[in-house]
Amino acid sequence: MQGAAIHHVSINVDDLAAARSFYIERLGFVERTDRPDLDVKGTWLDVGGQQVHLIVGDVPPRMGQHFAVRVDDVDAAVADLREHGVRVSDPVVVGTGRQCFLRDPCGNMIEIHEVGGAARV
């Protein structure tokens, strides 16, 4: 098998309304309108040509799992998030990029990543 790309990532949330609001209002994701009627409550979101599916269920214990959102300017992203009351770590250099971390209202970890950002430091 040779995968072409990541189509979507599904994450469990225990408060769909709070998670939906956070991803749309704070992270700028766009809610999709084509989610079929499934046996599990949730919503589908678009971000940069990929999807994040929020699925109502128990949030797994914190063991380092996360997904990363690529941004063009991690410093601007951090400033915007903090301006809106989101707790986010300071950006650090990792390889040739820069990254920081935050948690959604349900405790899921999200990485904000700037590719090539180390060159700006």
Protein backbone atom coordinates (compact mmCIF):
# COMPACT_ATOMS: atom_id res chain seq x y z
CA MET A 1 0.00 0.00 0.00
CA GLN A 2 1.11 3.55 -0.71
CA GLY A 3 -0.98 6.20 1.04
CA ALA A 4 -1.54 9.46 -0.82
CA ALA A 5 -2.32 11.68 2.18
CA ILE A 6 -4.12 11.83 5.49
CA HIS A 7 -7.83 12.20 4.77
CA HIS A 8 -9.00 12.80 8.34
CA VAL A 9 -8.20 12.33 11.98
CA SER A 10 -10.93 11.44 14.48
CA ILE A 11 -10.66 12.51 18.08
CA ASN A 12 -12.92 11.74 21.00
CA VAL A 13 -14.55 14.63 22.84
CA ASP A 14 -16.74 14.42 25.92
CA ASP A 15 -18.37 17.83 25.34
CA LEU A 16 -19.29 18.23 21.68
CA ALA A 17 -20.65 21.77 22.01
CA ALA A 18 -17.52 23.09 23.76
CA ALA A 19 -15.17 21.25 21.38
CA ARG A 20 -17.09 22.38 18.28
CA SER A 21 -17.03 25.99 19.44
CA PHE A 22 -13.31 25.83 20.24
CA TYR A 23 -12.25 24.34 16.92
CA ILE A 24 -14.42 26.73 14.90
CA GLU A 25 -14.10 29.97 16.89
CA ARG A 26 -10.54 29.65 18.22
CA LEU A 27 -8.74 27.53 15.63
CA GLY A 28 -10.66 28.67 12.54
CA PHE A 29 -11.78 25.23 11.38
CA VAL A 30 -14.88 25.10 9.17
CA GLU A 31 -17.79 22.79 9.92
CA ARG A 32 -18.75 20.45 7.08
CA THR A 33 -22.39 19.99 6.14
CA ASP A 34 -22.03 16.58 4.49
CA ARG A 35 -21.71 14.37 7.58
CA PRO A 36 -24.12 11.45 7.21
CA ASP A 37 -26.44 10.33 10.01
CA LEU A 38 -24.19 7.99 11.96
CA ASP A 39 -24.70 5.88 15.07
CA VAL A 40 -22.38 8.17 17.03
CA LYS A 41 -22.77 11.87 17.73
CA GLY A 42 -20.14 14.18 16.34
CA THR A 43 -19.23 16.71 13.69
CA TRP A 44 -16.77 16.93 10.82
CA LEU A 45 -14.47 19.92 10.37
CA ASP A 46 -12.20 21.13 7.55
CA VAL A 47 -8.75 22.59 8.04
CA GLY A 48 -6.29 23.21 5.22
CA GLY A 49 -7.74 20.60 2.89
CA GLN A 50 -7.91 17.86 5.53
CA GLN A 51 -10.56 16.95 8.05
CA VAL A 52 -10.82 16.53 11.80
CA HIS A 53 -13.78 14.49 12.99
CA LEU A 54 -15.00 15.15 16.52
CA ILE A 55 -16.62 12.00 17.93
CA VAL A 56 -18.53 11.97 21.21
CA GLY A 57 -16.89 9.46 23.53
CA ASP A 58 -14.51 9.03 26.41
CA VAL A 59 -11.32 11.01 25.92
CA PRO A 60 -8.37 8.61 26.20
CA PRO A 61 -5.76 9.12 28.92
CA ARG A 62 -2.98 11.56 28.09
CA MET A 63 -0.09 9.57 26.69
CA GLY A 64 1.43 12.05 24.25
CA GLN A 65 -1.06 11.52 21.41
CA HIS A 66 -1.80 14.67 19.42
CA PHE A 67 -2.25 16.01 15.93
CA ALA A 68 -0.48 19.02 14.43
CA VAL A 69 -1.93 22.02 12.63
CA ARG A 70 0.50 23.68 10.22
CA VAL A 71 0.58 27.47 10.28
CA ASP A 72 2.62 30.01 8.34
CA ASP A 73 3.61 32.01 11.44
CA VAL A 74 3.62 30.27 14.81
CA ASP A 75 4.25 33.55 16.70
CA ALA A 76 1.16 35.15 15.16
CA ALA A 77 -0.88 32.02 15.92
CA VAL A 78 0.24 32.05 19.56
CA ALA A 79 -0.53 35.76 19.91
CA ASP A 80 -4.01 35.27 18.44
CA LEU A 81 -4.77 32.26 20.63
CA ARG A 82 -3.59 34.01 23.78
CA GLU A 83 -5.59 37.12 22.87
CA HIS A 84 -8.66 34.88 22.92
CA GLY A 85 -7.80 33.32 26.28
CA VAL A 86 -6.34 30.04 25.04
CA ARG A 87 -3.45 28.66 27.09
CA VAL A 88 -0.63 27.72 24.72
CA SER A 89 3.04 26.93 25.34
CA ASP A 90 5.82 29.14 24.04
CA PRO A 91 7.09 28.11 20.59
CA VAL A 92 10.30 26.07 20.53
CA VAL A 93 12.60 25.00 17.71
CA VAL A 94 12.31 21.35 16.71
CA GLY A 95 14.48 20.38 13.76
CA THR A 96 13.92 23.01 11.09
CA GLY A 97 10.49 23.98 12.41
CA ARG A 98 8.94 25.59 15.45
CA GLN A 99 6.09 24.21 17.50
CA CYS A 100 3.92 24.88 20.52
CA PHE A 101 1.12 22.96 22.21
CA LEU A 102 -2.33 23.57 23.62
CA ARG A 103 -5.30 21.49 24.75
CA ASP A 104 -8.87 21.62 23.55
CA PRO A 105 -11.69 21.92 26.14
CA CYS A 106 -11.83 18.12 26.42
CA GLY A 107 -8.10 17.74 27.12
CA ASN A 108 -6.90 16.62 23.67
CA MET A 109 -3.43 17.93 22.84
CA ILE A 110 -2.91 19.93 19.65
CA GLU A 111 0.43 20.97 18.19
CA ILE A 112 0.74 24.21 16.25
CA HIS A 113 3.64 23.81 13.80
CA GLU A 114 5.50 26.21 11.53
CA VAL A 115 7.53 24.40 8.90
CA GLY A 116 10.95 26.04 8.44
CA GLY A 117 10.30 28.43 11.34
CA ALA A 118 13.71 27.75 12.91
CA ALA A 119 15.28 29.90 10.19
CA ARG A 120 13.45 32.94 11.59
CA VAL A 121 14.77 32.55 15.13
